[in-house]
Protein backbone atom coordinates (compact mmCIF):
# COMPACT_ATOMS: atom_id res chain seq x y z
CA MET A 1 -96.85 35.69 23.27
CA GLU A 2 -100.04 37.65 23.30
CA LYS A 3 -101.35 40.10 25.71
CA LEU A 4 -104.27 38.41 27.47
CA SER A 5 -107.48 40.40 27.46
CA GLU A 6 -108.68 42.17 30.70
CA ALA A 7 -111.51 39.84 30.94
CA ALA A 8 -109.17 36.89 30.88
CA ILE A 9 -106.84 38.85 33.51
CA GLN A 10 -109.83 39.44 36.03
CA GLU A 11 -110.29 35.59 35.82
CA LYS A 12 -107.16 34.70 36.77
CA LEU A 13 -106.76 37.19 39.37
CA THR A 14 -109.92 35.27 41.03
CA ASP A 15 -107.18 32.56 42.56
CA HIS A 16 -105.42 35.68 43.71
CA PRO A 17 -108.03 37.88 45.46
CA ASN A 18 -105.36 40.07 47.27
CA TRP A 19 -104.13 41.45 43.92
CA LYS A 20 -105.92 44.28 41.76
CA LEU A 21 -105.65 45.16 38.02
CA VAL A 22 -105.03 48.91 38.09
CA ASN A 23 -105.12 51.39 34.99
CA GLY A 24 -105.78 47.92 32.84
CA LYS A 25 -102.12 47.34 32.55
CA TRP A 26 -100.63 46.60 36.61
CA ILE A 27 -101.13 44.22 39.04
CA GLN A 28 -100.81 45.39 42.36
CA ARG A 29 -100.96 44.29 45.76
CA LYS A 30 -100.60 46.18 48.82
CA TYR A 31 -99.30 44.29 52.24
CA ARG A 32 -98.86 46.29 55.57
CA PHE A 33 -96.83 45.83 58.33
CA LYS A 34 -96.72 46.58 61.96
CA GLU A 35 -93.41 48.10 62.28
CA TYR A 36 -91.65 50.16 58.98
CA LEU A 37 -88.78 47.94 59.05
CA ASN A 38 -90.88 44.62 58.70
CA GLY A 39 -92.23 46.13 55.41
CA ILE A 40 -88.25 47.06 54.15
CA GLU A 41 -87.09 43.39 55.15
CA PHE A 42 -89.90 42.23 52.85
CA VAL A 43 -88.93 44.48 49.70
CA GLU A 44 -85.45 43.10 50.48
CA ASN A 45 -86.48 39.52 50.23
CA VAL A 46 -88.65 40.67 47.32
CA ALA A 47 -85.86 42.05 45.58
CA HIS A 48 -83.62 39.09 46.15
CA LEU A 49 -86.07 36.90 44.47
CA SER A 50 -87.02 39.38 41.46
CA GLU A 51 -83.09 39.33 40.80
CA LYS A 52 -83.11 35.66 40.54
CA MET A 53 -86.11 35.51 38.34
CA ASN A 54 -85.21 38.53 36.26
CA HIS A 55 -88.35 40.34 36.48
CA HIS A 56 -88.54 43.52 38.58
CA PRO A 57 -91.83 44.85 39.75
CA PHE A 58 -92.01 48.56 40.52
CA ILE A 59 -92.13 48.87 44.87
CA SER A 60 -93.67 51.94 46.83
CA ILE A 61 -93.21 52.11 50.61
CA ASP A 62 -95.15 54.13 52.58
CA PHE A 63 -94.49 54.88 56.13
CA GLU A 64 -98.06 55.58 57.82
CA PRO A 65 -99.17 53.04 58.38
CA PRO A 66 -96.24 50.84 57.00
CA THR A 67 -97.63 49.47 53.67
CA THR A 68 -95.65 48.17 50.92
CA LYS A 69 -96.93 48.18 47.15
CA VAL A 70 -95.68 45.77 44.80
CA ALA A 71 -96.88 46.07 41.05
CA GLY A 72 -95.77 44.35 37.97
CA PHE A 73 -96.57 45.82 34.33
CA LEU A 74 -98.51 43.33 32.28
CA ARG A 75 -96.12 43.53 29.73
CA TYR A 76 -93.64 41.48 31.40
CA SER A 77 -95.70 39.32 33.71
CA SER A 78 -96.70 35.93 33.93
CA TYR A 79 -100.59 36.78 32.96
CA ARG A 80 -99.56 36.28 29.15
CA ARG A 81 -100.96 33.51 27.06
CA LYS A 82 -98.31 31.31 25.61
CA ASP A 83 -98.02 30.04 21.95
């Protein structure tokens, strides 16, 4: 598989406006929750799905405001062109 160009990635992200390209190698989305434990529950759900797909994103959890950031490294992401 060949890595997509930044322009091609940006084009694909137009269908996913909440996701952003970061430093040319990550796609990232932030999720905000009213309660901290709702963010923890969300991360647990992401962890289970990730394990099933054998694709493990980087996850960061902030306390104030409760925010969960999920990022995937493009080298392993679905934003690659298949031969």
